[in-house]
Amino acid sequence: MDTTDAAPTAGIAVCLLVLGLLAAPYLLLSEPGTGLGVYYSGGPLGAGAVAFLAVLLVVVFLSGRQRRTPPDTVAGIALVGGVAALLFAVLWAVSVDADNVYSFTAQWMEYHRWLVVVASALVPTAGAVYARAVL
């Protein structure tokens, strides 16, 4: 398997995983009046910053996979953007109000933000593997 093809594909998959995890509460929580707006807006940037970078990095990894941009440029943007996404996810996760998290009836919501952080940690990993392969 060629790492220069596998790393951007893994990066795309991980970014889509992050987006799927961020969308899961909207799809799985059916109670009206849940505090999802407060939950996602926790911290100075909220989860929207993580989602924005995940969408942006899908495009970056796609441009690297399809060789539409120089590989070293894609590797740098993917690595720096992935680190930023991870830092934004950690900032959001530690800033969410615990009372809001425990107000949800679904038990899995206690772990949701940390799953987003773990998935976000895989984005710069894919960027680093791609950078190592092309540089």
C-alpha atoms as a PDB file:
ATOM      1  CA  MET A   1       0.000   0.000   0.000  1.00  0.00           C
ATOM      2  CA  ASP A   2       1.288   3.424  -0.940  1.00  0.00           C
ATOM      3  CA  THR A   3       1.387   5.807   2.024  1.00  0.00           C
ATOM      4  CA  THR A   4       0.996   8.857  -0.184  1.00  0.00           C
ATOM      5  CA  ASP A   5      -2.460   7.543  -1.172  1.00  0.00           C
ATOM      6  CA  ALA A   6      -3.442   5.931   2.129  1.00  0.00           C
ATOM      7  CA  ALA A   7      -2.688   8.878   4.431  1.00  0.00           C
ATOM      8  CA  PRO A   8      -4.975  11.412   2.704  1.00  0.00           C
ATOM      9  CA  THR A   9      -7.699   8.776   2.447  1.00  0.00           C
ATOM     10  CA  ALA A  10      -7.377   8.120   6.172  1.00  0.00           C
ATOM     11  CA  GLY A  11      -7.418  11.864   6.808  1.00  0.00           C
ATOM     12  CA  ILE A  12     -10.660  12.216   4.859  1.00  0.00           C
ATOM     13  CA  ALA A  13     -12.198   9.321   6.765  1.00  0.00           C
ATOM     14  CA  VAL A  14     -11.159  10.752  10.126  1.00  0.00           C
ATOM     15  CA  CYS A  15     -12.516  14.209   9.272  1.00  0.00           C
ATOM     16  CA  LEU A  16     -15.818  12.622   8.263  1.00  0.00           C
ATOM     17  CA  LEU A  17     -15.788  10.701  11.549  1.00  0.00           C
ATOM     18  CA  VAL A  18     -15.361  13.959  13.461  1.00  0.00           C
ATOM     19  CA  LEU A  19     -18.264  15.500  11.549  1.00  0.00           C
ATOM     20  CA  GLY A  20     -20.386  12.414  12.168  1.00  0.00           C
ATOM     21  CA  LEU A  21     -19.639  12.505  15.878  1.00  0.00           C
ATOM     22  CA  LEU A  22     -20.524  16.178  16.033  1.00  0.00           C
ATOM     23  CA  ALA A  23     -23.826  15.507  14.236  1.00  0.00           C
ATOM     24  CA  ALA A  24     -24.752  12.431  16.296  1.00  0.00           C
ATOM     25  CA  PRO A  25     -26.533  14.221  19.172  1.00  0.00           C
ATOM     26  CA  TYR A  26     -28.736  16.097  16.708  1.00  0.00           C
ATOM     27  CA  LEU A  27     -29.715  12.796  15.114  1.00  0.00           C
ATOM     28  CA  LEU A  28     -29.962  10.613  18.211  1.00  0.00           C
ATOM     29  CA  LEU A  29     -31.470  12.871  20.883  1.00  0.00           C
ATOM     30  CA  SER A  30     -35.171  13.188  20.323  1.00  0.00           C
ATOM     31  CA  GLU A  31     -36.255  15.169  23.380  1.00  0.00           C
ATOM     32  CA  PRO A  32     -37.368  18.688  22.568  1.00  0.00           C
ATOM     33  CA  GLY A  33     -35.715  21.428  24.533  1.00  0.00           C
ATOM     34  CA  THR A  34     -32.405  19.669  24.994  1.00  0.00           C
ATOM     35  CA  GLY A  35     -29.501  21.969  25.718  1.00  0.00           C
ATOM     36  CA  LEU A  36     -27.612  21.167  22.527  1.00  0.00           C
ATOM     37  CA  GLY A  37     -27.197  24.814  21.618  1.00  0.00           C
ATOM     38  CA  VAL A  38     -25.558  25.514  24.959  1.00  0.00           C
ATOM     39  CA  TYR A  39     -23.558  22.292  24.718  1.00  0.00           C
ATOM     40  CA  TYR A  40     -22.082  23.099  21.308  1.00  0.00           C
ATOM     41  CA  SER A  41     -21.395  26.744  22.100  1.00  0.00           C
ATOM     42  CA  GLY A  42     -19.230  25.987  25.144  1.00  0.00           C
ATOM     43  CA  GLY A  43     -15.885  27.713  25.305  1.00  0.00           C
ATOM     44  CA  PRO A  44     -14.620  30.697  23.351  1.00  0.00           C
ATOM     45  CA  LEU A  45     -14.996  29.045  19.918  1.00  0.00           C
ATOM     46  CA  GLY A  46     -17.484  26.226  20.415  1.00  0.00           C
ATOM     47  CA  ALA A  47     -17.702  23.021  18.455  1.00  0.00           C
ATOM     48  CA  GLY A  48     -18.399  24.939  15.273  1.00  0.00           C
ATOM     49  CA  ALA A  49     -14.696  25.704  14.920  1.00  0.00           C
ATOM     50  CA  VAL A  50     -13.896  21.991  15.018  1.00  0.00           C
ATOM     51  CA  ALA A  51     -16.580  21.260  12.420  1.00  0.00           C
ATOM     52  CA  PHE A  52     -15.336  24.079  10.177  1.00  0.00           C
ATOM     53  CA  LEU A  53     -11.772  22.799  10.234  1.00  0.00           C
ATOM     54  CA  ALA A  54     -12.941  19.219   9.639  1.00  0.00           C
ATOM     55  CA  VAL A  55     -14.806  20.299   6.491  1.00  0.00           C
ATOM     56  CA  LEU A  56     -11.857  22.397   5.349  1.00  0.00           C
ATOM     57  CA  LEU A  57      -9.431  19.538   5.920  1.00  0.00           C
ATOM     58  CA  VAL A  58     -11.580  17.148   3.874  1.00  0.00           C
ATOM     59  CA  VAL A  59     -10.986  19.473   0.922  1.00  0.00           C
ATOM     60  CA  VAL A  60      -7.272  19.702   1.733  1.00  0.00           C
ATOM     61  CA  PHE A  61      -6.842  15.935   1.964  1.00  0.00           C
ATOM     62  CA  LEU A  62      -8.861  15.485  -1.248  1.00  0.00           C
ATOM     63  CA  SER A  63      -6.595  17.897  -3.094  1.00  0.00           C
ATOM     64  CA  GLY A  64      -3.593  15.913  -1.900  1.00  0.00           C
ATOM     65  CA  ARG A  65      -5.133  12.583  -2.808  1.00  0.00           C
ATOM     66  CA  GLN A  66      -6.047  13.776  -6.303  1.00  0.00           C
ATOM     67  CA  ARG A  67      -2.668  15.519  -6.684  1.00  0.00           C
ATOM     68  CA  ARG A  68      -4.205  18.880  -7.541  1.00  0.00           C
ATOM     69  CA  THR A  69      -1.920  20.752  -5.128  1.00  0.00           C
ATOM     70  CA  PRO A  70       1.792  20.256  -4.438  1.00  0.00           C
ATOM     71  CA  PRO A  71       2.156  17.479  -1.854  1.00  0.00           C
ATOM     72  CA  ASP A  72       4.367  19.511   0.477  1.00  0.00           C
ATOM     73  CA  THR A  73       1.763  22.294   0.597  1.00  0.00           C
ATOM     74  CA  VAL A  74      -1.028  19.834   1.357  1.00  0.00           C
ATOM     75  CA  ALA A  75       1.076  18.141   4.011  1.00  0.00           C
ATOM     76  CA  GLY A  76       1.793  21.432   5.766  1.00  0.00           C
ATOM     77  CA  ILE A  77      -1.804  22.628   5.685  1.00  0.00           C
ATOM     78  CA  ALA A  78      -3.100  19.227   6.809  1.00  0.00           C
ATOM     79  CA  LEU A  79      -0.675  19.017   9.703  1.00  0.00           C
ATOM     80  CA  VAL A  80      -1.192  22.574  10.961  1.00  0.00           C
ATOM     81  CA  GLY A  81      -4.955  22.437  10.396  1.00  0.00           C
ATOM     82  CA  GLY A  82      -5.156  19.087  12.166  1.00  0.00           C
ATOM     83  CA  VAL A  83      -3.281  20.400  15.193  1.00  0.00           C
ATOM     84  CA  ALA A  84      -5.586  23.428  15.271  1.00  0.00           C
ATOM     85  CA  ALA A  85      -8.667  21.173  15.073  1.00  0.00           C
ATOM     86  CA  LEU A  86      -7.333  19.100  17.964  1.00  0.00           C
ATOM     87  CA  LEU A  87      -6.612  22.185  20.073  1.00  0.00           C
ATOM     88  CA  PHE A  88     -10.076  23.626  19.337  1.00  0.00           C
ATOM     89  CA  ALA A  89     -11.677  20.279  20.258  1.00  0.00           C
ATOM     90  CA  VAL A  90      -9.793  20.120  23.554  1.00  0.00           C
ATOM     91  CA  LEU A  91     -10.651  23.741  24.328  1.00  0.00           C
ATOM     92  CA  TRP A  92     -14.327  23.060  23.618  1.00  0.00           C
ATOM     93  CA  ALA A  93     -14.361  19.802  25.607  1.00  0.00           C
ATOM     94  CA  VAL A  94     -12.892  21.308  28.766  1.00  0.00           C
ATOM     95  CA  SER A  95     -15.106  24.399  28.519  1.00  0.00           C
ATOM     96  CA  VAL A  96     -18.473  22.641  28.275  1.00  0.00           C
ATOM     97  CA  ASP A  97     -20.600  23.167  31.374  1.00  0.00           C
ATOM     98  CA  ALA A  98     -20.848  19.879  33.291  1.00  0.00           C
ATOM     99  CA  ASP A  99     -24.395  20.643  34.444  1.00  0.00           C
ATOM    100  CA  ASN A 100     -25.447  20.888  30.827  1.00  0.00           C
ATOM    101  CA  VAL A 101     -23.801  17.568  29.956  1.00  0.00           C
ATOM    102  CA  TYR A 102     -25.509  15.744  32.813  1.00  0.00           C
ATOM    103  CA  SER A 103     -28.886  17.243  31.901  1.00  0.00           C
ATOM    104  CA  PHE A 104     -29.138  14.940  28.884  1.00  0.00           C
ATOM    105  CA  THR A 105     -31.021  11.693  29.453  1.00  0.00           C
ATOM    106  CA  ALA A 106     -28.725   9.740  27.144  1.00  0.00           C
ATOM    107  CA  GLN A 107     -25.862   8.261  29.156  1.00  0.00           C
ATOM    108  CA  TRP A 108     -23.456   8.354  26.202  1.00  0.00           C
ATOM    109  CA  MET A 109     -23.493  12.154  26.140  1.00  0.00           C
ATOM    110  CA  GLU A 110     -21.089  12.144  29.093  1.00  0.00           C
ATOM    111  CA  TYR A 111     -18.425  10.720  26.775  1.00  0.00           C
ATOM    112  CA  HIS A 112     -19.387  12.429  23.543  1.00  0.00           C
ATOM    113  CA  ARG A 113     -17.053  15.420  23.783  1.00  0.00           C
ATOM    114  CA  TRP A 114     -14.102  13.191  24.633  1.00  0.00           C
ATOM    115  CA  LEU A 115     -14.839  10.966  21.631  1.00  0.00           C
ATOM    116  CA  VAL A 116     -14.708  14.100  19.488  1.00  0.00           C
ATOM    117  CA  VAL A 117     -11.312  14.935  21.002  1.00  0.00           C
ATOM    118  CA  VAL A 118      -9.974  11.426  20.324  1.00  0.00           C
ATOM    119  CA  ALA A 119     -11.226  11.510  16.730  1.00  0.00           C
ATOM    120  CA  SER A 120      -9.758  15.004  16.306  1.00  0.00           C
ATOM    121  CA  ALA A 121      -6.394  13.689  17.494  1.00  0.00           C
ATOM    122  CA  LEU A 122      -6.337  11.337  14.524  1.00  0.00           C
ATOM    123  CA  VAL A 123      -6.522  14.240  12.033  1.00  0.00           C
ATOM    124  CA  PRO A 124      -3.015  15.622  12.713  1.00  0.00           C
ATOM    125  CA  THR A 125      -1.782  12.040  12.860  1.00  0.00           C
ATOM    126  CA  ALA A 126      -2.960  11.484   9.289  1.00  0.00           C
ATOM    127  CA  GLY A 127      -1.409  14.827   8.337  1.00  0.00           C
ATOM    128  CA  ALA A 128       1.903  13.848   9.920  1.00  0.00           C
ATOM    129  CA  VAL A 129       1.949  10.472   8.164  1.00  0.00           C
ATOM    130  CA  TYR A 130       1.234  12.204   4.863  1.00  0.00           C
ATOM    131  CA  ALA A 131       3.960  14.782   5.518  1.00  0.00           C
ATOM    132  CA  ARG A 132       6.450  12.063   6.297  1.00  0.00           C
ATOM    133  CA  ALA A 133       5.528  10.222   3.107  1.00  0.00           C
ATOM    134  CA  VAL A 134       5.875  13.205   0.780  1.00  0.00           C
ATOM    135  CA  LEU A 135       8.773  15.086   2.342  1.00  0.00           C
END
